Amino acid sequence: LSRQAHTYSLSVVAVRELRVAAVDLRNGLLTAESSQRGYLFSGNEIYLAPFDSAKTAARRQVTELEGDAKRYPEIAPLVGQLSSLVEAKIAEMEETIALKRATRDEDAMDLFLSNRGKALMDQTNLFVTGILETADRLLLEGVAEQTENAGLLRWVSIAGLTAILHLIHQPI
């Protein structure tokens, strides 16, 4: 029962890491998007300071989620789609930035106003939410298993104590 409790504990930690990766992915994309928008609006390169690190972080989290998908097959289809969406979103942001840098402000604004980036981010959010909901379900299942295991451990301990007390009170 102790080994089983340890296994459940490791499982809950792994699911928690899956959840953190999904949240960090979304945060990375939001930071990159905010950086892109600040630059498009102002033309000031200082807004792009977090852009590269944010998109690198988002890509790193996709890679982590791809590894998690091997352990949790129920998220594999979500992660496959999410990976494509993240790359498309990053490409869209890089394209608008490149147009702005090339002083093609009107083209950059046309691309931005096409809402392609928004649609990609909306789709990304749907897939991240799906992964988060799956992770939450897995966490609840893991906690329920740990609770059940703790109950069994308690009953085994009571039974063991009862047996010891019974043996102690046996006449020699």
N, C-alpha and C. Protein backbone atom coordinates (compact mmCIF):
# COMPACT_ATOMS: atom_id res chain seq x y z
N LEU A 1 0.83 -1.20 0.00
CA LEU A 1 0.00 0.00 0.00
C LEU A 1 0.87 1.25 0.00
N SER A 2 1.99 1.18 0.68
CA SER A 2 2.91 2.33 0.73
C SER A 2 3.48 2.61 -0.66
N ARG A 3 3.88 1.54 -1.36
CA ARG A 3 4.39 1.70 -2.73
C ARG A 3 3.31 2.26 -3.65
N GLN A 4 2.11 1.79 -3.49
CA GLN A 4 1.00 2.26 -4.30
C GLN A 4 0.73 3.75 -4.02
N ALA A 5 0.82 4.15 -2.77
CA ALA A 5 0.64 5.56 -2.40
C ALA A 5 1.72 6.41 -3.06
N HIS A 6 2.94 5.90 -3.08
CA HIS A 6 4.04 6.62 -3.73
C HIS A 6 3.78 6.75 -5.23
N THR A 7 3.31 5.69 -5.84
CA THR A 7 2.99 5.72 -7.28
C THR A 7 1.91 6.74 -7.57
N TYR A 8 0.86 6.77 -6.76
CA TYR A 8 -0.21 7.75 -6.95
C TYR A 8 0.32 9.17 -6.77
N SER A 9 1.19 9.34 -5.82
CA SER A 9 1.78 10.66 -5.57
C SER A 9 2.58 11.13 -6.77
N LEU A 10 3.40 10.24 -7.33
CA LEU A 10 4.18 10.60 -8.52
C LEU A 10 3.28 10.91 -9.71
N SER A 11 2.18 10.17 -9.82
CA SER A 11 1.23 10.40 -10.90
C SER A 11 0.60 11.78 -10.80
N VAL A 12 0.22 12.17 -9.60
CA VAL A 12 -0.39 13.48 -9.39
C VAL A 12 0.62 14.58 -9.71
N VAL A 13 1.87 14.39 -9.33
CA VAL A 13 2.91 15.38 -9.64
C VAL A 13 3.09 15.50 -11.16
N ALA A 14 3.08 14.38 -11.85
CA ALA A 14 3.25 14.39 -13.31
C ALA A 14 2.09 15.13 -13.98
N VAL A 15 0.88 14.89 -13.52
CA VAL A 15 -0.29 15.58 -14.10
C VAL A 15 -0.21 17.07 -13.80
N ARG A 16 0.26 17.39 -12.61
CA ARG A 16 0.42 18.81 -12.25
C ARG A 16 1.42 19.48 -13.18
N GLU A 17 2.51 18.80 -13.52
CA GLU A 17 3.50 19.34 -14.44
C GLU A 17 2.91 19.52 -15.84
N LEU A 18 2.05 18.59 -16.25
CA LEU A 18 1.34 18.71 -17.52
C LEU A 18 0.50 19.98 -17.52
N ARG A 19 -0.20 20.20 -16.44
CA ARG A 19 -1.06 21.38 -16.32
C ARG A 19 -0.23 22.66 -16.36
N VAL A 20 0.88 22.67 -15.65
CA VAL A 20 1.76 23.85 -15.63
C VAL A 20 2.30 24.14 -17.03
N ALA A 21 2.66 23.10 -17.77
CA ALA A 21 3.17 23.29 -19.13
C ALA A 21 2.12 23.95 -20.02
N ALA A 22 0.87 23.52 -19.89
CA ALA A 22 -0.21 24.10 -20.70
C ALA A 22 -0.42 25.57 -20.34
N VAL A 23 -0.42 25.88 -19.05
CA VAL A 23 -0.61 27.27 -18.62
C VAL A 23 0.57 28.12 -19.06
N ASP A 24 1.79 27.59 -18.91
CA ASP A 24 2.98 28.34 -19.32
C ASP A 24 3.00 28.57 -20.83
N LEU A 25 2.50 27.62 -21.59
CA LEU A 25 2.40 27.79 -23.04
C LEU A 25 1.49 28.96 -23.36
N ARG A 26 0.32 28.96 -22.77
CA ARG A 26 -0.62 30.05 -23.02
C ARG A 26 -0.03 31.40 -22.59
N ASN A 27 0.60 31.42 -21.43
CA ASN A 27 1.21 32.67 -20.96
C ASN A 27 2.32 33.15 -21.88
N GLY A 28 3.11 32.22 -22.39
CA GLY A 28 4.18 32.59 -23.33
C GLY A 28 3.62 33.22 -24.59
N LEU A 29 2.57 32.61 -25.12
CA LEU A 29 1.95 33.17 -26.33
C LEU A 29 1.31 34.53 -26.06
N LEU A 30 0.68 34.66 -24.92
CA LEU A 30 0.06 35.95 -24.58
C LEU A 30 1.12 37.04 -24.42
N THR A 31 2.25 36.70 -23.82
CA THR A 31 3.33 37.67 -23.67
C THR A 31 3.89 38.06 -25.03
N ALA A 32 4.10 37.07 -25.91
CA ALA A 32 4.60 37.36 -27.26
C ALA A 32 3.61 38.22 -28.02
N GLU A 33 2.32 37.89 -27.89
CA GLU A 33 1.29 38.66 -28.59
C GLU A 33 1.23 40.10 -28.07
N SER A 34 1.32 40.27 -26.79
CA SER A 34 1.32 41.60 -26.20
C SER A 34 2.52 42.40 -26.69
N SER A 35 3.64 41.76 -26.76
CA SER A 35 4.86 42.40 -27.25
C SER A 35 4.70 42.83 -28.71
N GLN A 36 4.17 41.93 -29.51
CA GLN A 36 3.93 42.22 -30.93
C GLN A 36 2.98 43.41 -31.09
N ARG A 37 1.92 43.41 -30.34
CA ARG A 37 0.93 44.48 -30.45
C ARG A 37 1.50 45.82 -30.00
N GLY A 38 2.28 45.81 -28.94
CA GLY A 38 2.92 47.04 -28.48
C GLY A 38 3.83 47.62 -29.56
N TYR A 39 4.57 46.74 -30.21
CA TYR A 39 5.47 47.18 -31.28
C TYR A 39 4.67 47.69 -32.48
N LEU A 40 3.62 46.97 -32.87
CA LEU A 40 2.82 47.42 -34.01
C LEU A 40 2.19 48.78 -33.75
N PHE A 41 1.74 48.99 -32.54
CA PHE A 41 1.10 50.26 -32.20
C PHE A 41 2.11 51.40 -32.12
N SER A 42 3.25 51.15 -31.49
CA SER A 42 4.19 52.25 -31.21
C SER A 42 5.36 52.34 -32.17
N GLY A 43 5.73 51.21 -32.76
CA GLY A 43 6.93 51.19 -33.59
C GLY A 43 8.20 51.19 -32.75
N ASN A 44 8.07 51.13 -31.44
CA ASN A 44 9.21 51.17 -30.53
C ASN A 44 9.71 49.74 -30.29
N GLU A 45 10.98 49.50 -30.65
CA GLU A 45 11.58 48.16 -30.53
C GLU A 45 11.61 47.65 -29.09
N ILE A 46 11.53 48.54 -28.14
CA ILE A 46 11.58 48.10 -26.74
C ILE A 46 10.44 47.13 -26.40
N TYR A 47 9.34 47.26 -27.11
CA TYR A 47 8.21 46.36 -26.88
C TYR A 47 8.53 44.92 -27.30
N LEU A 48 9.52 44.79 -28.17
CA LEU A 48 9.87 43.44 -28.64
C LEU A 48 10.84 42.72 -27.72
N ALA A 49 11.30 43.39 -26.68
CA ALA A 49 12.28 42.76 -25.77
C ALA A 49 11.82 41.39 -25.27
N PRO A 50 10.58 41.22 -24.83
CA PRO A 50 10.17 39.89 -24.34
C PRO A 50 9.73 38.93 -25.44
N PHE A 51 9.65 39.40 -26.67
CA PHE A 51 9.06 38.59 -27.74
C PHE A 51 9.81 37.27 -27.96
N ASP A 52 11.12 37.35 -28.17
CA ASP A 52 11.87 36.14 -28.49
C ASP A 52 11.87 35.13 -27.33
N SER A 53 12.05 35.62 -26.11
CA SER A 53 12.05 34.68 -24.98
C SER A 53 10.66 34.07 -24.76
N ALA A 54 9.62 34.85 -25.01
CA ALA A 54 8.26 34.34 -24.84
C ALA A 54 7.93 33.27 -25.87
N LYS A 55 8.32 33.51 -27.12
CA LYS A 55 8.01 32.49 -28.14
C LYS A 55 8.87 31.24 -27.94
N THR A 56 10.11 31.41 -27.44
CA THR A 56 10.95 30.26 -27.12
C THR A 56 10.33 29.45 -25.99
N ALA A 57 9.83 30.15 -24.98
CA ALA A 57 9.17 29.47 -23.86
C ALA A 57 7.94 28.72 -24.33
N ALA A 58 7.15 29.32 -25.21
CA ALA A 58 5.95 28.66 -25.73
C ALA A 58 6.32 27.39 -26.49
N ARG A 59 7.36 27.49 -27.32
CA ARG A 59 7.79 26.31 -28.08
C ARG A 59 8.32 25.22 -27.15
N ARG A 60 9.03 25.61 -26.11
CA ARG A 60 9.54 24.64 -25.14
C ARG A 60 8.39 23.91 -24.45
N GLN A 61 7.33 24.64 -24.14
CA GLN A 61 6.18 24.02 -23.48
C GLN A 61 5.44 23.07 -24.43
N VAL A 62 5.41 23.42 -25.72
CA VAL A 62 4.80 22.50 -26.70
C VAL A 62 5.59 21.19 -26.71
N THR A 63 6.91 21.30 -26.70
CA THR A 63 7.76 20.10 -26.69
C THR A 63 7.49 19.27 -25.43
N GLU A 64 7.34 19.95 -24.30
CA GLU A 64 7.03 19.25 -23.05
C GLU A 64 5.68 18.55 -23.14
N LEU A 65 4.70 19.25 -23.70
CA LEU A 65 3.36 18.65 -23.85
C LEU A 65 3.39 17.46 -24.81
N GLU A 66 4.23 17.54 -25.84
CA GLU A 66 4.36 16.41 -26.76
C GLU A 66 4.90 15.18 -26.03
N GLY A 67 5.83 15.40 -25.10
CA GLY A 67 6.32 14.30 -24.27
C GLY A 67 5.23 13.77 -23.36
N ASP A 68 4.44 14.68 -22.80
CA ASP A 68 3.33 14.27 -21.92
C ASP A 68 2.28 13.48 -22.68
N ALA A 69 2.11 13.80 -23.96
CA ALA A 69 1.09 13.12 -24.76
C ALA A 69 1.40 11.63 -24.90
N LYS A 70 2.68 11.26 -24.79
CA LYS A 70 3.04 9.84 -24.83
C LYS A 70 2.56 9.12 -23.57
N ARG A 71 2.55 9.85 -22.46
CA ARG A 71 2.11 9.26 -21.19
C ARG A 71 0.60 9.31 -21.03
N TYR A 72 -0.02 10.35 -21.61
CA TYR A 72 -1.46 10.55 -21.50
C TYR A 72 -2.06 10.60 -22.91
N PRO A 73 -2.39 9.45 -23.48
CA PRO A 73 -2.87 9.41 -24.86
C PRO A 73 -4.15 10.21 -25.10
N GLU A 74 -4.90 10.50 -24.03
CA GLU A 74 -6.13 11.26 -24.20
C GLU A 74 -5.87 12.70 -24.61
N ILE A 75 -4.64 13.20 -24.39
CA ILE A 75 -4.34 14.57 -24.82
C ILE A 75 -3.56 14.62 -26.13
N ALA A 76 -3.15 13.46 -26.65
CA ALA A 76 -2.35 13.42 -27.86
C ALA A 76 -2.98 14.17 -29.04
N PRO A 77 -4.28 13.97 -29.34
CA PRO A 77 -4.87 14.71 -30.46
C PRO A 77 -4.87 16.22 -30.21
N LEU A 78 -5.08 16.62 -28.97
CA LEU A 78 -5.09 18.05 -28.63
C LEU A 78 -3.70 18.65 -28.83
N VAL A 79 -2.69 17.93 -28.36
CA VAL A 79 -1.32 18.44 -28.46
C VAL A 79 -0.87 18.50 -29.92
N GLY A 80 -1.27 17.53 -30.72
CA GLY A 80 -0.91 17.55 -32.14
C GLY A 80 -1.45 18.80 -32.83
N GLN A 81 -2.70 19.12 -32.58
CA GLN A 81 -3.31 20.32 -33.15
C GLN A 81 -2.69 21.58 -32.56
N LEU A 82 -2.46 21.55 -31.28
CA LEU A 82 -1.91 22.71 -30.57
C LEU A 82 -0.53 23.07 -31.11
N SER A 83 0.27 22.08 -31.38
CA SER A 83 1.61 22.31 -31.91
C SER A 83 1.55 23.09 -33.23
N SER A 84 0.66 22.69 -34.10
CA SER A 84 0.49 23.38 -35.39
C SER A 84 -0.02 24.80 -35.19
N LEU A 85 -0.96 24.97 -34.28
CA LEU A 85 -1.51 26.30 -34.02
C LEU A 85 -0.47 27.24 -33.44
N VAL A 86 0.35 26.75 -32.54
CA VAL A 86 1.39 27.59 -31.94
C VAL A 86 2.37 28.05 -33.01
N GLU A 87 2.78 27.14 -33.87
CA GLU A 87 3.71 27.54 -34.94
C GLU A 87 3.06 28.55 -35.89
N ALA A 88 1.79 28.35 -36.20
CA ALA A 88 1.09 29.30 -37.08
C ALA A 88 0.96 30.66 -36.41
N LYS A 89 0.66 30.68 -35.12
CA LYS A 89 0.52 31.94 -34.38
C LYS A 89 1.86 32.68 -34.32
N ILE A 90 2.93 31.95 -34.05
CA ILE A 90 4.25 32.58 -33.99
C ILE A 90 4.63 33.11 -35.37
N ALA A 91 4.35 32.36 -36.41
CA ALA A 91 4.65 32.81 -37.78
C ALA A 91 3.86 34.08 -38.11
N GLU A 92 2.60 34.11 -37.70
CA GLU A 92 1.77 35.30 -37.95
C GLU A 92 2.34 36.52 -37.23
N MET A 93 2.74 36.35 -35.99
CA MET A 93 3.31 37.47 -35.24
C MET A 93 4.62 37.93 -35.85
N GLU A 94 5.47 36.98 -36.23
CA GLU A 94 6.75 37.34 -36.86
C GLU A 94 6.55 38.07 -38.18
N GLU A 95 5.52 37.66 -38.92
CA GLU A 95 5.24 38.31 -40.20
C GLU A 95 4.81 39.77 -40.00
N THR A 96 3.95 40.01 -39.04
CA THR A 96 3.52 41.40 -38.81
C THR A 96 4.69 42.25 -38.33
N ILE A 97 5.55 41.68 -37.50
CA ILE A 97 6.72 42.41 -37.02
C ILE A 97 7.66 42.72 -38.18
N ALA A 98 7.88 41.73 -39.04
CA ALA A 98 8.76 41.94 -40.20
C ALA A 98 8.20 43.03 -41.12
N LEU A 99 6.90 43.03 -41.33
CA LEU A 99 6.29 44.07 -42.16
C LEU A 99 6.46 45.45 -41.53
N LYS A 100 6.28 45.54 -40.23
CA LYS A 100 6.44 46.81 -39.53
C LYS A 100 7.89 47.28 -39.61
N ARG A 101 8.83 46.38 -39.43
CA ARG A 101 10.26 46.73 -39.52
C ARG A 101 10.64 47.19 -40.91
N ALA A 102 9.96 46.64 -41.90
CA ALA A 102 10.24 47.02 -43.30
C ALA A 102 9.48 48.29 -43.68
N THR A 103 8.95 48.97 -42.68
CA THR A 103 8.14 50.19 -42.85
C THR A 103 6.95 49.98 -43.79
N ARG A 104 6.43 48.78 -43.76
CA ARG A 104 5.21 48.47 -44.51
C ARG A 104 4.06 48.45 -43.50
N ASP A 105 3.87 49.61 -42.87
CA ASP A 105 2.90 49.72 -41.78
C ASP A 105 1.49 49.35 -42.21
N GLU A 106 1.11 49.77 -43.39
CA GLU A 106 -0.25 49.47 -43.86
C GLU A 106 -0.45 47.97 -44.03
N ASP A 107 0.56 47.29 -44.61
CA ASP A 107 0.46 45.83 -44.77
C ASP A 107 0.43 45.12 -43.41
N ALA A 108 1.26 45.62 -42.49
CA ALA A 108 1.28 45.03 -41.15
C ALA A 108 -0.09 45.19 -40.49
N MET A 109 -0.66 46.39 -40.62
CA MET A 109 -1.97 46.63 -40.01
C MET A 109 -3.06 45.82 -40.71
N ASP A 110 -2.98 45.68 -42.01
CA ASP A 110 -3.95 44.85 -42.73
C ASP A 110 -3.91 43.41 -42.23
N LEU A 111 -2.70 42.89 -42.07
CA LEU A 111 -2.56 41.52 -41.57
C LEU A 111 -3.12 41.42 -40.15
N PHE A 112 -2.79 42.38 -39.34
CA PHE A 112 -3.29 42.39 -37.96
C PHE A 112 -4.81 42.46 -37.93
N LEU A 113 -5.37 43.35 -38.75
CA LEU A 113 -6.83 43.54 -38.76
C LEU A 113 -7.59 42.41 -39.47
N SER A 114 -6.85 41.54 -40.13
CA SER A 114 -7.51 40.38 -40.77
C SER A 114 -8.08 39.41 -39.73
N ASN A 115 -7.64 39.59 -38.48
CA ASN A 115 -8.07 38.75 -37.36
C ASN A 115 -7.58 37.30 -37.45
N ARG A 116 -6.64 37.04 -38.36
CA ARG A 116 -6.06 35.70 -38.45
C ARG A 116 -5.36 35.34 -37.13
N GLY A 117 -4.62 36.30 -36.58
CA GLY A 117 -3.92 36.07 -35.33
C GLY A 117 -4.88 35.81 -34.18
N LYS A 118 -5.95 36.56 -34.15
CA LYS A 118 -6.96 36.37 -33.10
C LYS A 118 -7.60 34.99 -33.21
N ALA A 119 -7.92 34.60 -34.44
CA ALA A 119 -8.52 33.28 -34.65
C ALA A 119 -7.56 32.18 -34.21
N LEU A 120 -6.27 32.33 -34.52
CA LEU A 120 -5.29 31.33 -34.10
C LEU A 120 -5.19 31.28 -32.58
N MET A 121 -5.21 32.44 -31.95
CA MET A 121 -5.13 32.48 -30.49
C MET A 121 -6.39 31.91 -29.85
N ASP A 122 -7.54 32.19 -30.43
CA ASP A 122 -8.79 31.62 -29.92
C ASP A 122 -8.76 30.09 -30.01
N GLN A 123 -8.30 29.56 -31.14
CA GLN A 123 -8.21 28.11 -31.29
C GLN A 123 -7.20 27.53 -30.32
N THR A 124 -6.08 28.21 -30.16
CA THR A 124 -5.06 27.76 -29.21
C THR A 124 -5.65 27.68 -27.81
N ASN A 125 -6.39 28.70 -27.43
CA ASN A 125 -7.02 28.71 -26.11
C ASN A 125 -7.98 27.54 -25.92
N LEU A 126 -8.70 27.18 -26.97
CA LEU A 126 -9.61 26.03 -26.88
C LEU A 126 -8.85 24.74 -26.59
N PHE A 127 -7.74 24.55 -27.29
CA PHE A 127 -6.96 23.33 -27.10
C PHE A 127 -6.27 23.32 -25.74
N VAL A 128 -5.75 24.47 -25.32
CA VAL A 128 -5.14 24.55 -23.99
C VAL A 128 -6.20 24.27 -22.91
N THR A 129 -7.38 24.84 -23.08
CA THR A 129 -8.46 24.59 -22.12
C THR A 129 -8.81 23.10 -22.09
N GLY A 130 -8.84 22.46 -23.23
CA GLY A 130 -9.10 21.02 -23.28
C GLY A 130 -8.04 20.23 -22.52
N ILE A 131 -6.78 20.63 -22.67
CA ILE A 131 -5.70 19.95 -21.94
C ILE A 131 -5.84 20.21 -20.45
N LEU A 132 -6.17 21.44 -20.08
CA LEU A 132 -6.34 21.77 -18.66
C LEU A 132 -7.50 20.99 -18.05
N GLU A 133 -8.60 20.87 -18.77
CA GLU A 133 -9.74 20.10 -18.26
C GLU A 133 -9.39 18.63 -18.10
N THR A 134 -8.63 18.09 -19.05
CA THR A 134 -8.19 16.70 -18.94
C THR A 134 -7.26 16.54 -17.75
N ALA A 135 -6.34 17.47 -17.59
CA ALA A 135 -5.41 17.41 -16.45
C ALA A 135 -6.17 17.50 -15.13
N ASP A 136 -7.15 18.39 -15.06
CA ASP A 136 -7.95 18.51 -13.84
C ASP A 136 -8.69 17.21 -13.53
N ARG A 137 -9.23 16.58 -14.56
CA ARG A 137 -9.92 15.30 -14.37
C ARG A 137 -8.93 14.24 -13.86
N LEU A 138 -7.74 14.20 -14.47
CA LEU A 138 -6.72 13.24 -14.04
C LEU A 138 -6.27 13.51 -12.60
N LEU A 139 -6.16 14.78 -12.26
CA LEU A 139 -5.79 15.14 -10.88
C LEU A 139 -6.86 14.66 -9.89
N LEU A 140 -8.12 14.90 -10.23
CA LEU A 140 -9.20 14.46 -9.35
C LEU A 140 -9.21 12.94 -9.20
N GLU A 141 -8.96 12.23 -10.30
CA GLU A 141 -8.90 10.77 -10.23
C GLU A 141 -7.74 10.32 -9.36
N GLY A 142 -6.58 11.00 -9.52
CA GLY A 142 -5.41 10.65 -8.72
C GLY A 142 -5.63 10.91 -7.25
N VAL A 143 -6.25 12.02 -6.91
CA VAL A 143 -6.54 12.34 -5.51
C VAL A 143 -7.54 11.33 -4.95
N ALA A 144 -8.54 10.95 -5.74
CA ALA A 144 -9.52 9.95 -5.28
C ALA A 144 -8.81 8.61 -5.01
N GLU A 145 -7.88 8.23 -5.87
CA GLU A 145 -7.15 6.98 -5.66
C GLU A 145 -6.29 7.07 -4.40
N GLN A 146 -5.66 8.24 -4.19
CA GLN A 146 -4.86 8.42 -2.98
C GLN A 146 -5.73 8.34 -1.73
N THR A 147 -6.91 8.94 -1.79
CA THR A 147 -7.82 8.91 -0.65
C THR A 147 -8.27 7.48 -0.36
N GLU A 148 -8.59 6.74 -1.41
CA GLU A 148 -9.00 5.35 -1.24
C GLU A 148 -7.86 4.53 -0.65
N ASN A 149 -6.65 4.76 -1.15
CA ASN A 149 -5.48 4.05 -0.66
C ASN A 149 -5.22 4.38 0.82
N ALA A 150 -5.39 5.64 1.19
CA ALA A 150 -5.21 6.04 2.58
C ALA A 150 -6.23 5.33 3.47
N GLY A 151 -7.46 5.20 3.00
CA GLY A 151 -8.50 4.49 3.75
C GLY A 151 -8.13 3.03 3.94
N LEU A 152 -7.64 2.40 2.87
CA LEU A 152 -7.21 1.00 2.98
C LEU A 152 -6.05 0.85 3.96
N LEU A 153 -5.12 1.77 3.89
CA LEU A 153 -3.96 1.73 4.78
C LEU A 153 -4.41 1.87 6.24
N ARG A 154 -5.39 2.72 6.46
CA ARG A 154 -5.92 2.91 7.81
C ARG A 154 -6.54 1.60 8.31
N TRP A 155 -7.35 0.92 7.47
CA TRP A 155 -7.99 -0.33 7.89
C TRP A 155 -6.96 -1.44 8.12
N VAL A 156 -5.93 -1.49 7.28
CA VAL A 156 -4.89 -2.50 7.48
C VAL A 156 -4.16 -2.23 8.79
N SER A 157 -3.91 -0.97 9.08
CA SER A 157 -3.24 -0.61 10.34
C SER A 157 -4.11 -0.99 11.54
N ILE A 158 -5.40 -0.73 11.46
CA ILE A 158 -6.32 -1.09 12.55
C ILE A 158 -6.35 -2.61 12.73
N ALA A 159 -6.41 -3.32 11.60
CA ALA A 159 -6.43 -4.79 11.67
C ALA A 159 -5.13 -5.31 12.27
N GLY A 160 -4.01 -4.72 11.89
CA GLY A 160 -2.72 -5.13 12.43
C GLY A 160 -2.63 -4.86 13.92
N LEU A 161 -3.09 -3.68 14.33
CA LEU A 161 -3.08 -3.33 15.74
C LEU A 161 -3.97 -4.29 16.53
N THR A 162 -5.13 -4.61 15.98
CA THR A 162 -6.04 -5.53 16.64
C THR A 162 -5.39 -6.90 16.80
N ALA A 163 -4.71 -7.36 15.77
CA ALA A 163 -4.05 -8.67 15.83
C ALA A 163 -2.94 -8.65 16.88
N ILE A 164 -2.17 -7.56 16.93
CA ILE A 164 -1.09 -7.45 17.92
C ILE A 164 -1.67 -7.46 19.33
N LEU A 165 -2.71 -6.67 19.55
CA LEU A 165 -3.35 -6.63 20.87
C LEU A 165 -3.90 -7.99 21.26
N HIS A 166 -4.45 -8.69 20.30
CA HIS A 166 -4.99 -10.02 20.56
C HIS A 166 -3.86 -10.97 20.96
N LEU A 167 -2.72 -10.89 20.29
CA LEU A 167 -1.58 -11.76 20.60
C LEU A 167 -0.99 -11.42 21.96
N ILE A 168 -0.94 -10.16 22.31
CA ILE A 168 -0.39 -9.73 23.59
C ILE A 168 -1.22 -10.26 24.73
N HIS A 169 -2.50 -10.30 24.56
CA HIS A 169 -3.40 -10.73 25.64
C HIS A 169 -3.65 -12.24 25.66
N GLN A 170 -2.95 -12.99 24.83
CA GLN A 170 -3.05 -14.46 24.84
C GLN A 170 -2.26 -15.00 26.02
N PRO A 171 -2.81 -15.97 26.72
CA PRO A 171 -2.05 -16.56 27.84
C PRO A 171 -0.87 -17.35 27.28
N ILE A 172 0.22 -17.36 28.00
CA ILE A 172 1.43 -18.05 27.57
C ILE A 172 1.40 -19.50 27.87
